[in-house]
Amino acid sequence: MRVLLCFCLLLFTANVFSQDTADIEAVRRTVNLSEVVVRSDLNVPRFLQRVKNDSSYYKAFKNLRVLGFTSLNSIQMRDKKGSVVASLNSRTRQKRVNGCRSMDVLEEKVSGDFYDDGAYNYYTAELYASLFFTKGTVCGESNIVSGVERNVKDKKGVEKHKEQLKMLFFNPGKKIPGIPFIGDKLDVFDEDVAQYYDFSIDTADLNGQPAYVFAIKRKADLSSSERNKIVYDNITTWFNQRTMEIIARSYDLSYDAGVYDFDVHMDVEMQQVGNYIVPRLMRYTGNWYVFGKGRERGVFTATIFDVK
């Protein structure tokens, strides 16, 4: 029985590896390389594999859990005409002492119904707080991402939805369980999904750093039925040419499932602080609706500095 189980495991692993290789090869055949990249003799299959398996982006945000930093926070909730109906502008300082983190609010200005009896009145604010704020004292965290599987099985309600949204943000292009209608439309490397995208690799300098620019963009001539088979409209990522770590990312995602819809744009820039890479700037513009919760239109910006 043990031999049979081992054989089945090996067979399953081989099939997964084979499919993974096939997906990468399918993208390699269609990716557009700039002349500079062609002359650089970049190993394209290896590059694509590293992109697909990247964990440096998620780790950069996890690093915020083990460091102290100051954050300038701007959150605006808007109506359908674009007018601000609620807002928060603040400066906060996270402290990390003896393996525990806590946060001081140094300045805060609030308008409209941003809070409801001390709690956030908007889902967008809840999401922001889960990324950059600390409530009370939190201990026992780490920045380890290797071998850590993220799931939503033990979460419910708002916490489950926040985790799913963060998975969309931190792991763009990978399948995410538990999101109705779109779970199998997220893996942009899957051959069935990749056919709807244009892939390209170029080079550029970003803040003085030589970078590879990997762009995944929705094809312009998709029919409405084809458009309904994907979620990401654009994922453009800048990779440090020397370390292959992500130094910036810009992405757009949208979908209309009837009972919910969303249209989100995000820009993230990273910074190197000692041995750590952490976010320096994050901009978000989002318009989303969930049946029974109403529509939210939010804009937020986080500026991270004085990281220690």
C-alpha atoms as a PDB file:
ATOM      1  CA  MET A   1       0.000   0.000   0.000  1.00  0.00           C
ATOM      2  CA  ARG A   2       2.833   2.400   0.890  1.00  0.00           C
ATOM      3  CA  VAL A   3       4.524   1.717  -2.449  1.00  0.00           C
ATOM      4  CA  LEU A   4       1.236   2.393  -4.265  1.00  0.00           C
ATOM      5  CA  LEU A   5       0.761   5.674  -2.392  1.00  0.00           C
ATOM      6  CA  CYS A   6       4.313   6.754  -3.213  1.00  0.00           C
ATOM      7  CA  PHE A   7       3.781   5.869  -6.865  1.00  0.00           C
ATOM      8  CA  CYS A   8       0.531   7.858  -6.992  1.00  0.00           C
ATOM      9  CA  LEU A   9       2.240  10.833  -5.347  1.00  0.00           C
ATOM     10  CA  LEU A  10       5.108  10.705  -7.828  1.00  0.00           C
ATOM     11  CA  LEU A  11       2.668  10.422 -10.719  1.00  0.00           C
ATOM     12  CA  PHE A  12       0.640  13.377  -9.457  1.00  0.00           C
ATOM     13  CA  THR A  13       3.778  15.475  -8.928  1.00  0.00           C
ATOM     14  CA  ALA A  14       5.040  14.605 -12.399  1.00  0.00           C
ATOM     15  CA  ASN A  15       1.706  15.587 -13.944  1.00  0.00           C
ATOM     16  CA  VAL A  16       1.675  18.923 -12.088  1.00  0.00           C
ATOM     17  CA  PHE A  17       5.275  19.633 -13.129  1.00  0.00           C
ATOM     18  CA  SER A  18       4.496  18.645 -16.708  1.00  0.00           C
ATOM     19  CA  GLN A  19       1.459  20.955 -16.829  1.00  0.00           C
ATOM     20  CA  ASP A  20       3.468  23.779 -15.265  1.00  0.00           C
ATOM     21  CA  THR A  21       6.186  23.345 -17.895  1.00  0.00           C
ATOM     22  CA  ALA A  22       3.581  23.234 -20.668  1.00  0.00           C
ATOM     23  CA  ASP A  23       2.013  26.494 -19.446  1.00  0.00           C
ATOM     24  CA  ILE A  24       5.395  28.247 -19.376  1.00  0.00           C
ATOM     25  CA  GLU A  25       6.248  26.938 -22.836  1.00  0.00           C
ATOM     26  CA  ALA A  26       2.909  28.175 -24.204  1.00  0.00           C
ATOM     27  CA  VAL A  27       3.635  31.690 -22.921  1.00  0.00           C
ATOM     28  CA  ARG A  28       7.250  31.550 -24.153  1.00  0.00           C
ATOM     29  CA  ARG A  29       6.057  30.920 -27.696  1.00  0.00           C
ATOM     30  CA  THR A  30       3.932  34.081 -27.709  1.00  0.00           C
ATOM     31  CA  VAL A  31       5.897  36.538 -25.541  1.00  0.00           C
ATOM     32  CA  ASN A  32       7.216  39.587 -27.379  1.00  0.00           C
ATOM     33  CA  LEU A  33      10.867  40.413 -26.614  1.00  0.00           C
ATOM     34  CA  SER A  34      12.371  43.849 -27.190  1.00  0.00           C
ATOM     35  CA  GLU A  35      15.607  44.067 -29.189  1.00  0.00           C
ATOM     36  CA  VAL A  36      17.539  44.836 -26.005  1.00  0.00           C
ATOM     37  CA  VAL A  37      16.199  41.692 -24.324  1.00  0.00           C
ATOM     38  CA  VAL A  38      16.977  39.565 -27.392  1.00  0.00           C
ATOM     39  CA  ARG A  39      20.578  40.821 -27.394  1.00  0.00           C
ATOM     40  CA  SER A  40      20.895  40.167 -23.654  1.00  0.00           C
ATOM     41  CA  ASP A  41      20.468  36.393 -24.130  1.00  0.00           C
ATOM     42  CA  LEU A  42      17.922  36.305 -21.306  1.00  0.00           C
ATOM     43  CA  ASN A  43      16.847  32.743 -20.496  1.00  0.00           C
ATOM     44  CA  VAL A  44      13.159  33.393 -21.165  1.00  0.00           C
ATOM     45  CA  PRO A  45      11.706  30.082 -19.845  1.00  0.00           C
ATOM     46  CA  ARG A  46      13.654  30.482 -16.595  1.00  0.00           C
ATOM     47  CA  PHE A  47      12.570  34.123 -16.345  1.00  0.00           C
ATOM     48  CA  LEU A  48       8.906  33.192 -16.821  1.00  0.00           C
ATOM     49  CA  GLN A  49       9.173  30.409 -14.252  1.00  0.00           C
ATOM     50  CA  ARG A  50      10.654  32.826 -11.712  1.00  0.00           C
ATOM     51  CA  VAL A  51       7.901  35.323 -12.433  1.00  0.00           C
ATOM     52  CA  LYS A  52       5.216  32.687 -11.944  1.00  0.00           C
ATOM     53  CA  ASN A  53       6.751  31.430  -8.683  1.00  0.00           C
ATOM     54  CA  ASP A  54       7.692  34.857  -7.306  1.00  0.00           C
ATOM     55  CA  SER A  55       7.155  35.392  -3.592  1.00  0.00           C
ATOM     56  CA  SER A  56       9.236  38.573  -3.158  1.00  0.00           C
ATOM     57  CA  TYR A  57       6.198  40.814  -3.671  1.00  0.00           C
ATOM     58  CA  TYR A  58       4.182  39.186  -0.900  1.00  0.00           C
ATOM     59  CA  LYS A  59       7.271  39.042   1.318  1.00  0.00           C
ATOM     60  CA  ALA A  60       7.783  42.806   0.980  1.00  0.00           C
ATOM     61  CA  PHE A  61       4.393  43.369   2.624  1.00  0.00           C
ATOM     62  CA  LYS A  62       5.076  40.654   5.222  1.00  0.00           C
ATOM     63  CA  ASN A  63       8.277  42.508   6.114  1.00  0.00           C
ATOM     64  CA  LEU A  64       6.107  45.342   7.426  1.00  0.00           C
ATOM     65  CA  ARG A  65       4.977  42.966  10.178  1.00  0.00           C
ATOM     66  CA  VAL A  66       8.497  42.681  11.620  1.00  0.00           C
ATOM     67  CA  LEU A  67       9.711  46.279  11.268  1.00  0.00           C
ATOM     68  CA  GLY A  68       8.929  49.705  12.606  1.00  0.00           C
ATOM     69  CA  PHE A  69       7.870  52.407  10.154  1.00  0.00           C
ATOM     70  CA  THR A  70       6.040  55.687   9.742  1.00  0.00           C
ATOM     71  CA  SER A  71       3.110  55.890   7.338  1.00  0.00           C
ATOM     72  CA  LEU A  72       1.273  58.797   5.763  1.00  0.00           C
ATOM     73  CA  ASN A  73      -2.270  57.576   5.147  1.00  0.00           C
ATOM     74  CA  SER A  74      -4.869  59.104   2.863  1.00  0.00           C
ATOM     75  CA  ILE A  75      -8.247  57.424   2.295  1.00  0.00           C
ATOM     76  CA  GLN A  76     -11.128  59.023   0.417  1.00  0.00           C
ATOM     77  CA  MET A  77     -14.596  57.605  -0.150  1.00  0.00           C
ATOM     78  CA  ARG A  78     -16.461  59.183  -3.036  1.00  0.00           C
ATOM     79  CA  ASP A  79     -19.960  59.312  -4.480  1.00  0.00           C
ATOM     80  CA  LYS A  80     -20.859  58.581  -8.104  1.00  0.00           C
ATOM     81  CA  LYS A  81     -20.027  62.173  -9.089  1.00  0.00           C
ATOM     82  CA  GLY A  82     -16.545  61.895  -7.591  1.00  0.00           C
ATOM     83  CA  SER A  83     -17.219  64.124  -4.594  1.00  0.00           C
ATOM     84  CA  VAL A  84     -15.596  63.105  -1.303  1.00  0.00           C
ATOM     85  CA  VAL A  85     -18.204  61.905   1.221  1.00  0.00           C
ATOM     86  CA  ALA A  86     -15.818  60.582   3.877  1.00  0.00           C
ATOM     87  CA  SER A  87     -12.069  60.680   4.388  1.00  0.00           C
ATOM     88  CA  LEU A  88      -9.150  59.977   6.672  1.00  0.00           C
ATOM     89  CA  ASN A  89      -5.746  61.630   6.611  1.00  0.00           C
ATOM     90  CA  SER A  90      -3.282  60.504   9.237  1.00  0.00           C
ATOM     91  CA  ARG A  91       0.317  59.910  10.205  1.00  0.00           C
ATOM     92  CA  THR A  92       1.007  56.719  12.142  1.00  0.00           C
ATOM     93  CA  ARG A  93       4.088  55.089  13.624  1.00  0.00           C
ATOM     94  CA  GLN A  94       4.383  51.315  13.998  1.00  0.00           C
ATOM     95  CA  LYS A  95       6.715  50.073  16.735  1.00  0.00           C
ATOM     96  CA  ARG A  96       8.247  46.625  16.956  1.00  0.00           C
ATOM     97  CA  VAL A  97       9.454  45.648  20.451  1.00  0.00           C
ATOM     98  CA  ASN A  98      10.326  42.173  21.765  1.00  0.00           C
ATOM     99  CA  GLY A  99       8.634  40.400  18.862  1.00  0.00           C
ATOM    100  CA  CYS A 100       5.430  42.428  19.137  1.00  0.00           C
ATOM    101  CA  ARG A 101       4.124  45.325  17.069  1.00  0.00           C
ATOM    102  CA  SER A 102       1.852  48.195  18.047  1.00  0.00           C
ATOM    103  CA  MET A 103       0.934  51.519  16.488  1.00  0.00           C
ATOM    104  CA  ASP A 104       0.686  55.138  17.579  1.00  0.00           C
ATOM    105  CA  VAL A 105      -1.573  57.593  15.759  1.00  0.00           C
ATOM    106  CA  LEU A 106       0.509  60.772  15.591  1.00  0.00           C
ATOM    107  CA  GLU A 107      -1.980  62.862  13.606  1.00  0.00           C
ATOM    108  CA  GLU A 108      -5.483  62.189  12.306  1.00  0.00           C
ATOM    109  CA  LYS A 109      -8.120  64.205  10.503  1.00  0.00           C
ATOM    110  CA  VAL A 110     -11.473  62.600   9.614  1.00  0.00           C
ATOM    111  CA  SER A 111     -14.467  63.827   7.639  1.00  0.00           C
ATOM    112  CA  GLY A 112     -17.947  62.488   6.889  1.00  0.00           C
ATOM    113  CA  ASP A 113     -19.110  59.093   8.139  1.00  0.00           C
ATOM    114  CA  PHE A 114     -15.702  57.437   7.922  1.00  0.00           C
ATOM    115  CA  TYR A 115     -16.294  55.853  11.350  1.00  0.00           C
ATOM    116  CA  ASP A 116     -19.442  54.311  12.793  1.00  0.00           C
ATOM    117  CA  ASP A 117     -19.255  54.122  16.605  1.00  0.00           C
ATOM    118  CA  GLY A 118     -15.476  53.875  16.377  1.00  0.00           C
ATOM    119  CA  ALA A 119     -15.497  51.142  13.710  1.00  0.00           C
ATOM    120  CA  TYR A 120     -14.710  51.604  10.041  1.00  0.00           C
ATOM    121  CA  ASN A 121     -17.853  52.375   8.085  1.00  0.00           C
ATOM    122  CA  TYR A 122     -16.364  51.314   4.752  1.00  0.00           C
ATOM    123  CA  TYR A 123     -14.985  48.043   3.493  1.00  0.00           C
ATOM    124  CA  THR A 124     -12.211  49.907   1.640  1.00  0.00           C
ATOM    125  CA  ALA A 125     -11.027  51.354   4.950  1.00  0.00           C
ATOM    126  CA  GLU A 126     -11.088  47.872   6.505  1.00  0.00           C
ATOM    127  CA  LEU A 127      -8.867  46.618   3.702  1.00  0.00           C
ATOM    128  CA  TYR A 128      -6.423  49.496   4.120  1.00  0.00           C
ATOM    129  CA  ALA A 129      -6.262  49.005   7.873  1.00  0.00           C
ATOM    130  CA  SER A 130      -5.502  45.299   7.449  1.00  0.00           C
ATOM    131  CA  LEU A 131      -2.492  46.225   5.301  1.00  0.00           C
ATOM    132  CA  PHE A 132      -0.949  49.173   7.151  1.00  0.00           C
ATOM    133  CA  PHE A 133      -2.518  49.615  10.596  1.00  0.00           C
ATOM    134  CA  THR A 134      -2.036  47.702  13.846  1.00  0.00           C
ATOM    135  CA  LYS A 135      -4.854  47.362  16.371  1.00  0.00           C
ATOM    136  CA  GLY A 136      -3.660  46.802  19.921  1.00  0.00           C
ATOM    137  CA  THR A 137      -0.535  44.673  20.310  1.00  0.00           C
ATOM    138  CA  VAL A 138       0.188  41.824  17.906  1.00  0.00           C
ATOM    139  CA  CYS A 139       2.856  39.238  18.738  1.00  0.00           C
ATOM    140  CA  GLY A 140       4.376  36.098  17.283  1.00  0.00           C
ATOM    141  CA  GLU A 141       4.424  37.123  13.618  1.00  0.00           C
ATOM    142  CA  SER A 142       7.130  36.416  11.058  1.00  0.00           C
ATOM    143  CA  ASN A 143       7.941  37.454   7.506  1.00  0.00           C
ATOM    144  CA  ILE A 144       8.393  33.885   6.263  1.00  0.00           C
ATOM    145  CA  VAL A 145       6.538  33.161   3.032  1.00  0.00           C
ATOM    146  CA  SER A 146       8.377  30.119   1.666  1.00  0.00           C
ATOM    147  CA  GLY A 147       6.274  27.007   2.175  1.00  0.00           C
ATOM    148  CA  VAL A 148       3.435  28.998   3.742  1.00  0.00           C
ATOM    149  CA  GLU A 149       0.097  28.234   2.087  1.00  0.00           C
ATOM    150  CA  ARG A 150      -2.450  31.010   2.234  1.00  0.00           C
ATOM    151  CA  ASN A 151      -6.071  29.901   2.497  1.00  0.00           C
ATOM    152  CA  VAL A 152      -9.437  31.216   3.571  1.00  0.00           C
ATOM    153  CA  LYS A 153     -10.890  28.027   5.039  1.00  0.00           C
ATOM    154  CA  ASP A 154     -10.647  29.257   8.635  1.00  0.00           C
ATOM    155  CA  LYS A 155     -12.023  32.730   7.889  1.00  0.00           C
ATOM    156  CA  LYS A 156     -15.590  33.956   7.562  1.00  0.00           C
ATOM    157  CA  GLY A 157     -17.473  37.068   6.523  1.00  0.00           C
ATOM    158  CA  VAL A 158     -15.477  40.277   6.163  1.00  0.00           C
ATOM    159  CA  GLU A 159     -12.215  38.613   7.231  1.00  0.00           C
ATOM    160  CA  LYS A 160     -12.589  36.001   4.489  1.00  0.00           C
ATOM    161  CA  HIS A 161     -13.304  38.637   1.841  1.00  0.00           C
ATOM    162  CA  LYS A 162     -10.336  40.751   2.968  1.00  0.00           C
ATOM    163  CA  GLU A 163      -8.028  37.749   2.714  1.00  0.00           C
ATOM    164  CA  GLN A 164      -9.313  36.936  -0.775  1.00  0.00           C
ATOM    165  CA  LEU A 165      -8.779  40.529  -1.892  1.00  0.00           C
ATOM    166  CA  LYS A 166      -5.236  40.495  -0.519  1.00  0.00           C
ATOM    167  CA  MET A 167      -4.579  37.277  -2.405  1.00  0.00           C
ATOM    168  CA  LEU A 168      -5.752  39.030  -5.572  1.00  0.00           C
ATOM    169  CA  PHE A 169      -3.320  41.861  -4.844  1.00  0.00           C
ATOM    170  CA  PHE A 170      -0.310  39.895  -3.577  1.00  0.00           C
ATOM    171  CA  ASN A 171      -0.521  36.916  -5.913  1.00  0.00           C
ATOM    172  CA  PRO A 172      -1.839  38.353  -9.173  1.00  0.00           C
ATOM    173  CA  GLY A 173      -2.142  35.737 -11.860  1.00  0.00           C
ATOM    174  CA  LYS A 174      -2.641  32.774  -9.523  1.00  0.00           C
ATOM    175  CA  LYS A 175      -5.785  30.800  -8.774  1.00  0.00           C
ATOM    176  CA  ILE A 176      -7.624  31.784  -5.607  1.00  0.00           C
ATOM    177  CA  PRO A 177     -10.122  29.432  -3.948  1.00  0.00           C
ATOM    178  CA  GLY A 178     -13.560  30.426  -2.771  1.00  0.00           C
ATOM    179  CA  ILE A 179     -14.309  33.390  -5.034  1.00  0.00           C
ATOM    180  CA  PRO A 180     -17.447  32.527  -7.015  1.00  0.00           C
ATOM    181  CA  PHE A 181     -17.351  32.810 -10.817  1.00  0.00           C
ATOM    182  CA  ILE A 182     -13.697  33.883 -11.158  1.00  0.00           C
ATOM    183  CA  GLY A 183     -11.558  31.302  -9.335  1.00  0.00           C
ATOM    184  CA  ASP A 184     -10.438  29.620 -12.570  1.00  0.00           C
ATOM    185  CA  LYS A 185      -9.997  32.885 -14.508  1.00  0.00           C
ATOM    186  CA  LEU A 186      -7.073  34.282 -12.525  1.00  0.00           C
ATOM    187  CA  ASP A 187      -4.119  32.124 -13.562  1.00  0.00           C
ATOM    188  CA  VAL A 188      -2.733  34.157 -16.456  1.00  0.00           C
ATOM    189  CA  PHE A 189      -0.095  31.480 -17.126  1.00  0.00           C
ATOM    190  CA  ASP A 190      -2.702  28.773 -17.635  1.00  0.00           C
ATOM    191  CA  GLU A 191      -2.827  28.045 -21.360  1.00  0.00           C
ATOM    192  CA  ASP A 192      -6.629  28.367 -21.456  1.00  0.00           C
ATOM    193  CA  VAL A 193      -6.416  31.863 -19.928  1.00  0.00           C
ATOM    194  CA  ALA A 194      -3.109  33.025 -21.451  1.00  0.00           C
ATOM    195  CA  GLN A 195      -4.605  32.977 -24.953  1.00  0.00           C
ATOM    196  CA  TYR A 196      -6.480  36.177 -24.111  1.00  0.00           C
ATOM    197  CA  TYR A 197      -3.335  38.158 -23.236  1.00  0.00           C
ATOM    198  CA  ASP A 198      -0.344  39.762 -24.916  1.00  0.00           C
ATOM    199  CA  PHE A 199       2.922  39.114 -23.049  1.00  0.00           C
ATOM    200  CA  SER A 200       6.080  41.205 -23.426  1.00  0.00           C
ATOM    201  CA  ILE A 201       9.516  41.604 -21.823  1.00  0.00           C
ATOM    202  CA  ASP A 202      11.490  44.842 -22.095  1.00  0.00           C
ATOM    203  CA  THR A 203      14.099  46.740 -20.085  1.00  0.00           C
ATOM    204  CA  ALA A 204      13.946  50.112 -18.349  1.00  0.00           C
ATOM    205  CA  ASP A 205      15.520  52.128 -15.557  1.00  0.00           C
ATOM    206  CA  LEU A 206      13.283  52.695 -12.537  1.00  0.00           C
ATOM    207  CA  ASN A 207      14.565  55.087  -9.884  1.00  0.00           C
ATOM    208  CA  GLY A 208      18.105  54.415 -11.080  1.00  0.00           C
ATOM    209  CA  GLN A 209      17.742  50.628 -11.051  1.00  0.00           C
ATOM    210  CA  PRO A 210      18.098  48.589 -14.264  1.00  0.00           C
ATOM    211  CA  ALA A 211      14.938  46.515 -14.540  1.00  0.00           C
ATOM    212  CA  TYR A 212      13.220  43.934 -16.672  1.00  0.00           C
ATOM    213  CA  VAL A 213       9.659  45.022 -17.427  1.00  0.00           C
ATOM    214  CA  PHE A 214       7.232  42.128 -17.790  1.00  0.00           C
ATOM    215  CA  ALA A 215       3.821  43.166 -19.097  1.00  0.00           C
ATOM    216  CA  ILE A 216       0.658  41.069 -19.297  1.00  0.00           C
ATOM    217  CA  LYS A 217      -2.069  42.974 -21.110  1.00  0.00           C
ATOM    218  CA  ARG A 218      -5.560  41.992 -22.181  1.00  0.00           C
ATOM    219  CA  LYS A 219      -5.816  41.669 -25.946  1.00  0.00           C
ATOM    220  CA  ALA A 220      -7.592  44.640 -27.459  1.00  0.00           C
ATOM    221  CA  ASP A 221      -9.841  42.677 -29.814  1.00  0.00           C
ATOM    222  CA  LEU A 222     -11.569  40.342 -27.333  1.00  0.00           C
ATOM    223  CA  SER A 223     -15.282  39.731 -27.729  1.00  0.00           C
ATOM    224  CA  SER A 224     -17.569  40.285 -24.728  1.00  0.00           C
ATOM    225  CA  SER A 225     -17.754  36.527 -24.083  1.00  0.00           C
ATOM    226  CA  GLU A 226     -13.951  36.242 -24.210  1.00  0.00           C
ATOM    227  CA  ARG A 227     -13.597  39.276 -21.944  1.00  0.00           C
ATOM    228  CA  ASN A 228     -15.812  37.475 -19.430  1.00  0.00           C
ATOM    229  CA  LYS A 229     -13.232  34.676 -19.182  1.00  0.00           C
ATOM    230  CA  ILE A 230     -10.529  36.845 -17.586  1.00  0.00           C
ATOM    231  CA  VAL A 231     -10.198  39.192 -14.605  1.00  0.00           C
ATOM    232  CA  TYR A 232      -6.856  40.990 -14.960  1.00  0.00           C
ATOM    233  CA  ASP A 233      -6.727  43.688 -17.627  1.00  0.00           C
ATOM    234  CA  ASN A 234      -3.084  44.527 -17.028  1.00  0.00           C
ATOM    235  CA  ILE A 235      -0.221  43.382 -14.810  1.00  0.00           C
ATOM    236  CA  THR A 236       3.045  45.250 -15.411  1.00  0.00           C
ATOM    237  CA  THR A 237       5.957  44.354 -13.153  1.00  0.00           C
ATOM    238  CA  TRP A 238       9.466  45.792 -12.854  1.00  0.00           C
ATOM    239  CA  PHE A 239      12.109  43.268 -11.732  1.00  0.00           C
ATOM    240  CA  ASN A 240      15.573  44.191 -10.469  1.00  0.00           C
ATOM    241  CA  GLN A 241      17.850  42.790 -13.187  1.00  0.00           C
ATOM    242  CA  ARG A 242      20.423  41.612 -10.659  1.00  0.00           C
ATOM    243  CA  THR A 243      18.254  40.050  -7.941  1.00  0.00           C
ATOM    244  CA  MET A 244      15.000  39.448  -9.866  1.00  0.00           C
ATOM    245  CA  GLU A 245      13.062  40.909  -6.938  1.00  0.00           C
ATOM    246  CA  ILE A 246      10.016  43.025  -7.712  1.00  0.00           C
ATOM    247  CA  ILE A 247      10.679  46.750  -7.380  1.00  0.00           C
ATOM    248  CA  ALA A 248       7.344  48.026  -8.724  1.00  0.00           C
ATOM    249  CA  ARG A 249       4.039  46.760 -10.017  1.00  0.00           C
ATOM    250  CA  SER A 250       0.987  48.281 -11.673  1.00  0.00           C
ATOM    251  CA  TYR A 251      -2.214  46.379 -12.263  1.00  0.00           C
ATOM    252  CA  ASP A 252      -5.812  46.688 -13.310  1.00  0.00           C
ATOM    253  CA  LEU A 253      -8.528  44.133 -12.691  1.00  0.00           C
ATOM    254  CA  SER A 254     -12.244  44.216 -13.374  1.00  0.00           C
ATOM    255  CA  TYR A 255     -15.174  41.835 -13.528  1.00  0.00           C
ATOM    256  CA  ASP A 256     -18.972  41.898 -13.450  1.00  0.00           C
ATOM    257  CA  ALA A 257     -20.654  38.810 -12.019  1.00  0.00           C
ATOM    258  CA  GLY A 258     -24.062  40.395 -11.499  1.00  0.00           C
ATOM    259  CA  VAL A 259     -24.185  39.826  -7.737  1.00  0.00           C
ATOM    260  CA  TYR A 260     -20.875  41.639  -7.456  1.00  0.00           C
ATOM    261  CA  ASP A 261     -18.592  43.705  -9.667  1.00  0.00           C
ATOM    262  CA  PHE A 262     -15.288  45.536  -9.299  1.00  0.00           C
ATOM    263  CA  ASP A 263     -12.924  47.795 -11.223  1.00  0.00           C
ATOM    264  CA  VAL A 264      -9.608  48.337  -9.443  1.00  0.00           C
ATOM    265  CA  HIS A 265      -6.298  49.992 -10.324  1.00  0.00           C
ATOM    266  CA  MET A 266      -3.206  49.766  -8.117  1.00  0.00           C
ATOM    267  CA  ASP A 267       0.392  51.035  -8.247  1.00  0.00           C
ATOM    268  CA  VAL A 268       3.052  49.817  -5.827  1.00  0.00           C
ATOM    269  CA  GLU A 269       6.681  50.913  -5.518  1.00  0.00           C
ATOM    270  CA  MET A 270       9.232  49.140  -3.320  1.00  0.00           C
ATOM    271  CA  GLN A 271      12.280  50.360  -1.393  1.00  0.00           C
ATOM    272  CA  GLN A 272      15.382  48.624  -0.043  1.00  0.00           C
ATOM    273  CA  VAL A 273      16.038  49.158   3.668  1.00  0.00           C
ATOM    274  CA  GLY A 274      19.094  47.220   4.827  1.00  0.00           C
ATOM    275  CA  ASN A 275      18.387  43.587   4.018  1.00  0.00           C
ATOM    276  CA  TYR A 276      14.661  44.190   3.668  1.00  0.00           C
ATOM    277  CA  ILE A 277      12.490  45.173   0.730  1.00  0.00           C
ATOM    278  CA  VAL A 278       9.283  46.929   1.779  1.00  0.00           C
ATOM    279  CA  PRO A 279       6.616  49.017   0.057  1.00  0.00           C
ATOM    280  CA  ARG A 280       7.453  52.707  -0.330  1.00  0.00           C
ATOM    281  CA  LEU A 281       4.272  53.845  -2.016  1.00  0.00           C
ATOM    282  CA  MET A 282       0.908  52.242  -2.716  1.00  0.00           C
ATOM    283  CA  ARG A 283      -1.909  53.891  -4.660  1.00  0.00           C
ATOM    284  CA  TYR A 284      -5.368  52.368  -5.041  1.00  0.00           C
ATOM    285  CA  THR A 285      -8.447  53.434  -6.969  1.00  0.00           C
ATOM    286  CA  GLY A 286     -11.394  51.080  -6.680  1.00  0.00           C
ATOM    287  CA  ASN A 287     -15.071  50.901  -7.572  1.00  0.00           C
ATOM    288  CA  TRP A 288     -16.863  47.780  -6.403  1.00  0.00           C
ATOM    289  CA  TYR A 289     -20.305  46.477  -5.550  1.00  0.00           C
ATOM    290  CA  VAL A 290     -21.513  43.465  -3.587  1.00  0.00           C
ATOM    291  CA  PHE A 291     -25.200  42.550  -3.439  1.00  0.00           C
ATOM    292  CA  GLY A 292     -26.601  43.560  -0.070  1.00  0.00           C
ATOM    293  CA  LYS A 293     -23.664  45.847   0.781  1.00  0.00           C
ATOM    294  CA  GLY A 294     -24.032  48.644  -1.752  1.00  0.00           C
ATOM    295  CA  ARG A 295     -21.354  50.292  -3.893  1.00  0.00           C
ATOM    296  CA  GLU A 296     -18.072  51.763  -2.691  1.00  0.00           C
ATOM    297  CA  ARG A 297     -15.804  54.108  -4.593  1.00  0.00           C
ATOM    298  CA  GLY A 298     -12.515  54.588  -2.821  1.00  0.00           C
ATOM    299  CA  VAL A 299      -9.087  56.101  -3.371  1.00  0.00           C
ATOM    300  CA  PHE A 300      -6.189  55.594  -1.006  1.00  0.00           C
ATOM    301  CA  THR A 301      -2.472  56.278  -0.844  1.00  0.00           C
ATOM    302  CA  ALA A 302       0.054  54.899   1.636  1.00  0.00           C
ATOM    303  CA  THR A 303       3.533  56.408   1.883  1.00  0.00           C
ATOM    304  CA  ILE A 304       5.975  54.368   3.984  1.00  0.00           C
ATOM    305  CA  PHE A 305       9.226  55.839   5.346  1.00  0.00           C
ATOM    306  CA  ASP A 306      11.568  55.884   8.352  1.00  0.00           C
ATOM    307  CA  VAL A 307      11.684  52.083   8.281  1.00  0.00           C
ATOM    308  CA  LYS A 308      13.733  50.518  11.101  1.00  0.00           C
END
